[in-house]
């Protein structure tokens, strides 16, 4: 599963990136909804969100990007990832209707715990949109039933304590926690936060149902920009090349 920020570095280039992800090897696309205060994200994804916002990204444009992708690809699952504030401002009923019409399959909203399921989780599931919950190394056996109660689609296991892209996952810890959490859910468990290389992806794939890579791809966008911070012809290619290498690592 690949994470990229909608509108990063600009809307047109972002669409080219997203359109090329399935061919490069992505099975699921996680599309970030730009937000000014992404508390769970590290420097790379923070910077990507700010680039997108600077270049006019908005919720309407994010949904428009998804709709444009769906015009070309109706099969690849797409999950919108982000924070509740932009959805709340947009209006929950309108957001769910527009997201469903655009072709979304699921949501990952990192700052809505199970205690707030009435806000978005239950309405989303009623609208036919999966609500994917995060589990972490601190999700113990007492907490797990509440976390998984209204989760659908898959479980996103956060492999490290902290923000995205700052630490490498510990394979032994990941394997032990995935095994433990599988006792509480029949859903697939995908592992993310800190996976950057094909070697890491291959190792995670041996103990989990899926591997999520985000910060490394957003960093590839940044490194491909010109000195003025604008996209180049290499920007989509840089992301697709990295996705292909990661996919090969997983499938080998």
C-alpha atoms as a PDB file:
ATOM      1  CA  UNK A   1       0.000   0.000   0.000  1.00  0.00           C
ATOM      2  CA  UNK A   2       1.431   3.338  -1.077  1.00  0.00           C
ATOM      3  CA  UNK A   3       0.798   6.695   0.580  1.00  0.00           C
ATOM      4  CA  UNK A   4       1.053   9.946  -1.344  1.00  0.00           C
ATOM      5  CA  UNK A   5      -0.334  13.363  -0.473  1.00  0.00           C
ATOM      6  CA  UNK A   6      -3.099  14.646  -2.753  1.00  0.00           C
ATOM      7  CA  UNK A   7      -1.924  17.781  -4.558  1.00  0.00           C
ATOM      8  CA  UNK A   8       1.777  17.294  -3.810  1.00  0.00           C
ATOM      9  CA  UNK A   9       3.660  19.038  -5.343  1.00  0.00           C
ATOM     10  CA  UNK A  10       0.760  20.307  -7.489  1.00  0.00           C
ATOM     11  CA  UNK A  11      -2.590  18.935  -8.614  1.00  0.00           C
ATOM     12  CA  UNK A  12      -1.596  17.878 -12.144  1.00  0.00           C
ATOM     13  CA  UNK A  13       1.623  16.165 -11.084  1.00  0.00           C
ATOM     14  CA  UNK A  14      -0.124  14.504  -8.159  1.00  0.00           C
ATOM     15  CA  UNK A  15      -2.693  12.998 -10.521  1.00  0.00           C
ATOM     16  CA  UNK A  16       0.097  11.642 -12.750  1.00  0.00           C
ATOM     17  CA  UNK A  17       1.721  10.078  -9.697  1.00  0.00           C
ATOM     18  CA  UNK A  18      -1.486   8.442  -8.497  1.00  0.00           C
ATOM     19  CA  UNK A  19      -2.457   7.179 -11.950  1.00  0.00           C
ATOM     20  CA  UNK A  20       0.893   5.400 -12.280  1.00  0.00           C
ATOM     21  CA  UNK A  21       0.911   3.708  -8.883  1.00  0.00           C
ATOM     22  CA  UNK A  22      -1.025   0.518  -9.795  1.00  0.00           C
ATOM     23  CA  UNK A  23       1.168  -0.205 -12.816  1.00  0.00           C
ATOM     24  CA  UNK A  24       4.248   0.379 -10.662  1.00  0.00           C
ATOM     25  CA  UNK A  25       3.036  -2.288  -8.235  1.00  0.00           C
ATOM     26  CA  UNK A  26       0.729  -0.698  -5.665  1.00  0.00           C
ATOM     27  CA  UNK A  27      -2.178  -2.914  -4.581  1.00  0.00           C
ATOM     28  CA  UNK A  28      -3.916  -0.215  -2.516  1.00  0.00           C
ATOM     29  CA  UNK A  29      -3.500   3.557  -2.690  1.00  0.00           C
ATOM     30  CA  UNK A  30      -3.596   5.627   0.481  1.00  0.00           C
ATOM     31  CA  UNK A  31      -4.285   9.222  -0.511  1.00  0.00           C
ATOM     32  CA  UNK A  32      -3.435  11.851   2.068  1.00  0.00           C
ATOM     33  CA  UNK A  33      -5.843  14.734   2.622  1.00  0.00           C
ATOM     34  CA  UNK A  34      -3.612  17.796   3.175  1.00  0.00           C
ATOM     35  CA  UNK A  35      -3.966  19.426   6.591  1.00  0.00           C
ATOM     36  CA  UNK A  36      -2.022  22.169   8.368  1.00  0.00           C
ATOM     37  CA  UNK A  37      -1.528  20.207  11.613  1.00  0.00           C
ATOM     38  CA  UNK A  38      -0.798  16.548  10.804  1.00  0.00           C
ATOM     39  CA  UNK A  39       0.101  15.461  14.317  1.00  0.00           C
ATOM     40  CA  UNK A  40       0.903  11.821  13.512  1.00  0.00           C
ATOM     41  CA  UNK A  41       3.195  12.635  10.607  1.00  0.00           C
ATOM     42  CA  UNK A  42       6.893  13.301  10.459  1.00  0.00           C
ATOM     43  CA  UNK A  43       8.790  16.013   8.615  1.00  0.00           C
ATOM     44  CA  UNK A  44       8.541  14.472   5.140  1.00  0.00           C
ATOM     45  CA  UNK A  45       4.749  14.173   5.078  1.00  0.00           C
ATOM     46  CA  UNK A  46       4.322  17.506   6.877  1.00  0.00           C
ATOM     47  CA  UNK A  47       6.360  19.138   4.121  1.00  0.00           C
ATOM     48  CA  UNK A  48       4.345  17.358   1.432  1.00  0.00           C
ATOM     49  CA  UNK A  49       1.095  18.590   2.919  1.00  0.00           C
ATOM     50  CA  UNK A  50       2.371  22.160   3.081  1.00  0.00           C
ATOM     51  CA  UNK A  51       3.559  21.996  -0.548  1.00  0.00           C
ATOM     52  CA  UNK A  52       0.101  20.826  -1.588  1.00  0.00           C
ATOM     53  CA  UNK A  53      -1.707  23.500   0.421  1.00  0.00           C
ATOM     54  CA  UNK A  54       0.617  26.206  -0.911  1.00  0.00           C
ATOM     55  CA  UNK A  55      -0.344  25.140  -4.426  1.00  0.00           C
ATOM     56  CA  UNK A  56      -4.076  25.297  -3.810  1.00  0.00           C
ATOM     57  CA  UNK A  57      -4.956  21.856  -2.460  1.00  0.00           C
ATOM     58  CA  UNK A  58      -8.338  21.558  -0.771  1.00  0.00           C
ATOM     59  CA  UNK A  59     -10.841  18.878   0.134  1.00  0.00           C
ATOM     60  CA  UNK A  60     -12.764  19.569  -3.081  1.00  0.00           C
ATOM     61  CA  UNK A  61      -9.591  19.181  -5.136  1.00  0.00           C
ATOM     62  CA  UNK A  62      -8.640  15.995  -3.283  1.00  0.00           C
ATOM     63  CA  UNK A  63     -12.014  14.455  -4.122  1.00  0.00           C
ATOM     64  CA  UNK A  64     -11.702  15.738  -7.696  1.00  0.00           C
ATOM     65  CA  UNK A  65      -8.321  14.021  -7.971  1.00  0.00           C
ATOM     66  CA  UNK A  66      -9.857  10.770  -6.740  1.00  0.00           C
ATOM     67  CA  UNK A  67     -12.710  11.109  -9.231  1.00  0.00           C
ATOM     68  CA  UNK A  68     -10.230  11.695 -12.071  1.00  0.00           C
ATOM     69  CA  UNK A  69      -8.305   8.590 -11.004  1.00  0.00           C
ATOM     70  CA  UNK A  70     -11.536   6.567 -10.958  1.00  0.00           C
ATOM     71  CA  UNK A  71     -12.256   7.612 -14.543  1.00  0.00           C
ATOM     72  CA  UNK A  72      -9.119   5.663 -15.517  1.00  0.00           C
ATOM     73  CA  UNK A  73      -9.036   2.954 -12.824  1.00  0.00           C
ATOM     74  CA  UNK A  74     -12.171   1.525 -11.267  1.00  0.00           C
ATOM     75  CA  UNK A  75     -10.508  -1.477  -9.605  1.00  0.00           C
ATOM     76  CA  UNK A  76      -7.622  -0.318  -7.379  1.00  0.00           C
ATOM     77  CA  UNK A  77      -8.825   0.329  -3.808  1.00  0.00           C
ATOM     78  CA  UNK A  78      -8.287   3.898  -2.615  1.00  0.00           C
ATOM     79  CA  UNK A  79      -8.257   4.918   1.039  1.00  0.00           C
ATOM     80  CA  UNK A  80      -8.370   8.554   2.122  1.00  0.00           C
ATOM     81  CA  UNK A  81      -6.089   9.214   5.085  1.00  0.00           C
ATOM     82  CA  UNK A  82      -6.048  12.292   7.282  1.00  0.00           C
ATOM     83  CA  UNK A  83      -7.522  14.146  10.204  1.00  0.00           C
ATOM     84  CA  UNK A  84     -11.044  14.944  11.275  1.00  0.00           C
ATOM     85  CA  UNK A  85     -10.844  18.747  11.193  1.00  0.00           C
ATOM     86  CA  UNK A  86     -11.074  19.192   7.383  1.00  0.00           C
ATOM     87  CA  UNK A  87     -13.935  16.668   7.231  1.00  0.00           C
ATOM     88  CA  UNK A  88     -15.774  18.396  10.079  1.00  0.00           C
ATOM     89  CA  UNK A  89     -15.431  21.761   8.341  1.00  0.00           C
ATOM     90  CA  UNK A  90     -16.564  20.284   5.022  1.00  0.00           C
ATOM     91  CA  UNK A  91     -19.554  18.668   6.761  1.00  0.00           C
ATOM     92  CA  UNK A  92     -19.741  14.956   7.507  1.00  0.00           C
ATOM     93  CA  UNK A  93     -22.870  14.114   5.445  1.00  0.00           C
ATOM     94  CA  UNK A  94     -21.604  16.090   2.444  1.00  0.00           C
ATOM     95  CA  UNK A  95     -18.116  14.624   2.746  1.00  0.00           C
ATOM     96  CA  UNK A  96     -19.386  11.049   2.857  1.00  0.00           C
ATOM     97  CA  UNK A  97     -21.707  11.604  -0.092  1.00  0.00           C
ATOM     98  CA  UNK A  98     -19.022  13.318  -2.172  1.00  0.00           C
ATOM     99  CA  UNK A  99     -16.309  10.816  -1.216  1.00  0.00           C
ATOM    100  CA  UNK A 100     -18.571   7.894  -2.100  1.00  0.00           C
ATOM    101  CA  UNK A 101     -19.453   9.514  -5.431  1.00  0.00           C
ATOM    102  CA  UNK A 102     -15.752  10.085  -6.149  1.00  0.00           C
ATOM    103  CA  UNK A 103     -15.009   6.401  -5.614  1.00  0.00           C
ATOM    104  CA  UNK A 104     -13.442   6.063  -2.170  1.00  0.00           C
ATOM    105  CA  UNK A 105     -13.220   2.621  -0.568  1.00  0.00           C
ATOM    106  CA  UNK A 106     -12.128   3.487   2.952  1.00  0.00           C
ATOM    107  CA  UNK A 107     -11.047   6.107   5.456  1.00  0.00           C
ATOM    108  CA  UNK A 108      -8.154   6.298   7.908  1.00  0.00           C
ATOM    109  CA  UNK A 109      -8.786   9.178  10.307  1.00  0.00           C
ATOM    110  CA  UNK A 110      -6.024   9.024  12.857  1.00  0.00           C
ATOM    111  CA  UNK A 111      -7.411  11.382  15.507  1.00  0.00           C
ATOM    112  CA  UNK A 112     -10.852   9.785  15.990  1.00  0.00           C
ATOM    113  CA  UNK A 113     -10.675   7.071  18.685  1.00  0.00           C
ATOM    114  CA  UNK A 114     -13.400   4.430  19.153  1.00  0.00           C
ATOM    115  CA  UNK A 115     -15.070   6.623  21.765  1.00  0.00           C
ATOM    116  CA  UNK A 116     -15.954   9.031  18.930  1.00  0.00           C
ATOM    117  CA  UNK A 117     -17.418   6.449  16.536  1.00  0.00           C
ATOM    118  CA  UNK A 118     -20.700   8.343  16.272  1.00  0.00           C
ATOM    119  CA  UNK A 119     -18.853  11.300  14.699  1.00  0.00           C
ATOM    120  CA  UNK A 120     -17.699   9.599  11.497  1.00  0.00           C
ATOM    121  CA  UNK A 121     -17.012   5.879  11.805  1.00  0.00           C
ATOM    122  CA  UNK A 122     -20.607   4.664  12.042  1.00  0.00           C
ATOM    123  CA  UNK A 123     -21.955   7.114   9.423  1.00  0.00           C
ATOM    124  CA  UNK A 124     -19.141   6.089   7.058  1.00  0.00           C
ATOM    125  CA  UNK A 125     -19.854   2.407   7.444  1.00  0.00           C
ATOM    126  CA  UNK A 126     -23.571   3.063   6.928  1.00  0.00           C
ATOM    127  CA  UNK A 127     -22.632   4.821   3.675  1.00  0.00           C
ATOM    128  CA  UNK A 128     -20.677   1.761   2.512  1.00  0.00           C
ATOM    129  CA  UNK A 129     -17.232   3.182   3.233  1.00  0.00           C
ATOM    130  CA  UNK A 130     -14.755   1.115   5.251  1.00  0.00           C
ATOM    131  CA  UNK A 131     -13.414   2.704   8.416  1.00  0.00           C
ATOM    132  CA  UNK A 132      -9.866   1.514   8.983  1.00  0.00           C
ATOM    133  CA  UNK A 133      -8.551   1.749  12.490  1.00  0.00           C
ATOM    134  CA  UNK A 134      -4.992   2.175  13.708  1.00  0.00           C
ATOM    135  CA  UNK A 135      -3.482  -0.213  16.227  1.00  0.00           C
ATOM    136  CA  UNK A 136      -0.143   0.493  17.891  1.00  0.00           C
ATOM    137  CA  UNK A 137       2.428  -1.268  20.087  1.00  0.00           C
ATOM    138  CA  UNK A 138       0.470   0.095  23.079  1.00  0.00           C
ATOM    139  CA  UNK A 139      -2.858  -1.430  21.940  1.00  0.00           C
ATOM    140  CA  UNK A 140      -2.927  -4.125  24.588  1.00  0.00           C
ATOM    141  CA  UNK A 141      -5.317  -7.060  24.865  1.00  0.00           C
ATOM    142  CA  UNK A 142      -7.676  -5.043  27.069  1.00  0.00           C
ATOM    143  CA  UNK A 143      -7.934  -2.197  24.547  1.00  0.00           C
ATOM    144  CA  UNK A 144      -7.982  -4.241  21.333  1.00  0.00           C
ATOM    145  CA  UNK A 145     -11.679  -5.262  21.410  1.00  0.00           C
ATOM    146  CA  UNK A 146     -12.780  -1.616  21.548  1.00  0.00           C
ATOM    147  CA  UNK A 147     -10.380  -0.653  18.759  1.00  0.00           C
ATOM    148  CA  UNK A 148     -11.567  -3.406  16.442  1.00  0.00           C
ATOM    149  CA  UNK A 149     -15.277  -3.306  17.265  1.00  0.00           C
ATOM    150  CA  UNK A 150     -16.292  -1.065  14.359  1.00  0.00           C
ATOM    151  CA  UNK A 151     -13.212  -1.498  12.186  1.00  0.00           C
ATOM    152  CA  UNK A 152     -13.645  -2.735   8.623  1.00  0.00           C
ATOM    153  CA  UNK A 153     -11.500  -3.285   5.543  1.00  0.00           C
ATOM    154  CA  UNK A 154      -8.221  -3.930   7.313  1.00  0.00           C
ATOM    155  CA  UNK A 155      -6.272  -2.908  10.404  1.00  0.00           C
ATOM    156  CA  UNK A 156      -3.363  -0.486  10.064  1.00  0.00           C
ATOM    157  CA  UNK A 157      -0.674  -1.476  12.563  1.00  0.00           C
ATOM    158  CA  UNK A 158       1.652   1.389  13.478  1.00  0.00           C
ATOM    159  CA  UNK A 159       4.985  -0.365  13.831  1.00  0.00           C
ATOM    160  CA  UNK A 160       6.773   2.254  15.941  1.00  0.00           C
ATOM    161  CA  UNK A 161       5.951   4.608  18.767  1.00  0.00           C
ATOM    162  CA  UNK A 162       6.031   8.144  17.397  1.00  0.00           C
ATOM    163  CA  UNK A 163       5.422   9.907  14.107  1.00  0.00           C
ATOM    164  CA  UNK A 164       5.784   8.673  10.540  1.00  0.00           C
ATOM    165  CA  UNK A 165       9.115   8.135   8.849  1.00  0.00           C
ATOM    166  CA  UNK A 166      11.386   8.715  11.823  1.00  0.00           C
ATOM    167  CA  UNK A 167      12.253   5.208  13.078  1.00  0.00           C
ATOM    168  CA  UNK A 168      12.819   1.807  11.528  1.00  0.00           C
ATOM    169  CA  UNK A 169      10.395  -0.915  12.661  1.00  0.00           C
ATOM    170  CA  UNK A 170      11.683  -3.688  14.900  1.00  0.00           C
ATOM    171  CA  UNK A 171      10.777  -6.915  13.121  1.00  0.00           C
ATOM    172  CA  UNK A 172      10.551  -9.093  16.229  1.00  0.00           C
ATOM    173  CA  UNK A 173       8.233  -6.619  17.930  1.00  0.00           C
ATOM    174  CA  UNK A 174       6.093  -6.260  14.802  1.00  0.00           C
ATOM    175  CA  UNK A 175       5.762 -10.016  14.362  1.00  0.00           C
ATOM    176  CA  UNK A 176       4.826 -10.572  18.009  1.00  0.00           C
ATOM    177  CA  UNK A 177       2.240  -7.800  18.043  1.00  0.00           C
ATOM    178  CA  UNK A 178       0.686  -8.812  14.721  1.00  0.00           C
ATOM    179  CA  UNK A 179       0.292 -12.378  16.023  1.00  0.00           C
ATOM    180  CA  UNK A 180      -1.228 -11.085  19.252  1.00  0.00           C
ATOM    181  CA  UNK A 181      -3.642  -8.698  17.542  1.00  0.00           C
ATOM    182  CA  UNK A 182      -4.815 -11.386  15.118  1.00  0.00           C
ATOM    183  CA  UNK A 183      -6.397 -13.103  18.115  1.00  0.00           C
ATOM    184  CA  UNK A 184      -8.807 -10.160  18.293  1.00  0.00           C
ATOM    185  CA  UNK A 185      -9.711  -9.729  14.607  1.00  0.00           C
ATOM    186  CA  UNK A 186     -10.130 -11.693  11.403  1.00  0.00           C
ATOM    187  CA  UNK A 187      -9.290  -8.601   9.330  1.00  0.00           C
ATOM    188  CA  UNK A 188      -5.995  -8.350   7.429  1.00  0.00           C
ATOM    189  CA  UNK A 189      -3.294  -6.444   9.309  1.00  0.00           C
ATOM    190  CA  UNK A 190      -1.109  -4.070   7.295  1.00  0.00           C
ATOM    191  CA  UNK A 191       2.039  -2.588   8.808  1.00  0.00           C
ATOM    192  CA  UNK A 192       3.335   0.938   8.244  1.00  0.00           C
ATOM    193  CA  UNK A 193       5.330   3.839   9.761  1.00  0.00           C
ATOM    194  CA  UNK A 194       9.054   3.622   9.064  1.00  0.00           C
ATOM    195  CA  UNK A 195       9.177   1.179   6.133  1.00  0.00           C
ATOM    196  CA  UNK A 196      11.502   2.688   3.534  1.00  0.00           C
ATOM    197  CA  UNK A 197      13.427  -0.019   1.687  1.00  0.00           C
ATOM    198  CA  UNK A 198      12.602  -3.157  -0.329  1.00  0.00           C
ATOM    199  CA  UNK A 199      14.467  -5.170   2.283  1.00  0.00           C
ATOM    200  CA  UNK A 200      12.306  -3.815   5.110  1.00  0.00           C
ATOM    201  CA  UNK A 201       9.163  -4.326   3.031  1.00  0.00           C
ATOM    202  CA  UNK A 202      10.129  -7.950   2.332  1.00  0.00           C
ATOM    203  CA  UNK A 203      10.754  -8.632   6.020  1.00  0.00           C
ATOM    204  CA  UNK A 204       7.446  -7.048   7.096  1.00  0.00           C
ATOM    205  CA  UNK A 205       5.544  -8.941   4.388  1.00  0.00           C
ATOM    206  CA  UNK A 206       6.627 -12.226   5.956  1.00  0.00           C
ATOM    207  CA  UNK A 207       4.770 -11.458   9.191  1.00  0.00           C
ATOM    208  CA  UNK A 208       1.875  -9.232   8.076  1.00  0.00           C
ATOM    209  CA  UNK A 209      -0.835  -9.162   5.424  1.00  0.00           C
ATOM    210  CA  UNK A 210       0.326  -5.911   3.861  1.00  0.00           C
ATOM    211  CA  UNK A 211       3.067  -3.292   3.932  1.00  0.00           C
ATOM    212  CA  UNK A 212       2.466   0.470   3.919  1.00  0.00           C
ATOM    213  CA  UNK A 213       5.078   2.933   2.633  1.00  0.00           C
ATOM    214  CA  UNK A 214       4.534   6.676   2.792  1.00  0.00           C
ATOM    215  CA  UNK A 215       7.321   8.962   3.980  1.00  0.00           C
ATOM    216  CA  UNK A 216       9.848   7.442   1.582  1.00  0.00           C
ATOM    217  CA  UNK A 217       7.566   8.159  -1.385  1.00  0.00           C
ATOM    218  CA  UNK A 218       6.825  11.715  -0.259  1.00  0.00           C
ATOM    219  CA  UNK A 219      10.584  12.231   0.170  1.00  0.00           C
ATOM    220  CA  UNK A 220      11.083  10.978  -3.397  1.00  0.00           C
ATOM    221  CA  UNK A 221       8.724  13.727  -4.561  1.00  0.00           C
ATOM    222  CA  UNK A 222      10.688  16.361  -2.663  1.00  0.00           C
ATOM    223  CA  UNK A 223      14.059  15.190  -3.987  1.00  0.00           C
ATOM    224  CA  UNK A 224      12.801  15.356  -7.581  1.00  0.00           C
ATOM    225  CA  UNK A 225      11.759  19.019  -7.444  1.00  0.00           C
ATOM    226  CA  UNK A 226      13.771  21.806  -9.025  1.00  0.00           C
ATOM    227  CA  UNK A 227      15.517  24.532  -7.041  1.00  0.00           C
ATOM    228  CA  UNK A 228      12.287  26.536  -6.948  1.00  0.00           C
ATOM    229  CA  UNK A 229      10.376  23.639  -5.453  1.00  0.00           C
ATOM    230  CA  UNK A 230       8.446  22.892  -8.641  1.00  0.00           C
ATOM    231  CA  UNK A 231       7.775  19.517 -10.227  1.00  0.00           C
ATOM    232  CA  UNK A 232      10.051  18.203 -12.953  1.00  0.00           C
ATOM    233  CA  UNK A 233       9.589  15.485 -15.560  1.00  0.00           C
ATOM    234  CA  UNK A 234      11.326  13.164 -13.094  1.00  0.00           C
ATOM    235  CA  UNK A 235       8.832  13.662 -10.263  1.00  0.00           C
ATOM    236  CA  UNK A 236       6.270  10.971 -11.169  1.00  0.00           C
ATOM    237  CA  UNK A 237       9.052   8.683 -12.414  1.00  0.00           C
ATOM    238  CA  UNK A 238      10.930   8.921  -9.103  1.00  0.00           C
ATOM    239  CA  UNK A 239       7.880   7.798  -7.137  1.00  0.00           C
ATOM    240  CA  UNK A 240       6.964   5.015  -9.562  1.00  0.00           C
ATOM    241  CA  UNK A 241      10.546   3.705  -9.613  1.00  0.00           C
ATOM    242  CA  UNK A 242      10.578   3.447  -5.820  1.00  0.00           C
ATOM    243  CA  UNK A 243       7.149   1.772  -5.739  1.00  0.00           C
ATOM    244  CA  UNK A 244       8.323  -0.803  -8.286  1.00  0.00           C
ATOM    245  CA  UNK A 245      11.363  -1.647  -6.159  1.00  0.00           C
ATOM    246  CA  UNK A 246       9.250  -1.942  -3.006  1.00  0.00           C
ATOM    247  CA  UNK A 247       6.667  -4.109  -4.750  1.00  0.00           C
ATOM    248  CA  UNK A 248       9.385  -6.394  -6.054  1.00  0.00           C
ATOM    249  CA  UNK A 249      10.760  -6.684  -2.532  1.00  0.00           C
ATOM    250  CA  UNK A 250       7.360  -7.675  -1.132  1.00  0.00           C
ATOM    251  CA  UNK A 251       6.564 -10.173  -3.879  1.00  0.00           C
ATOM    252  CA  UNK A 252       9.958 -11.832  -3.719  1.00  0.00           C
END
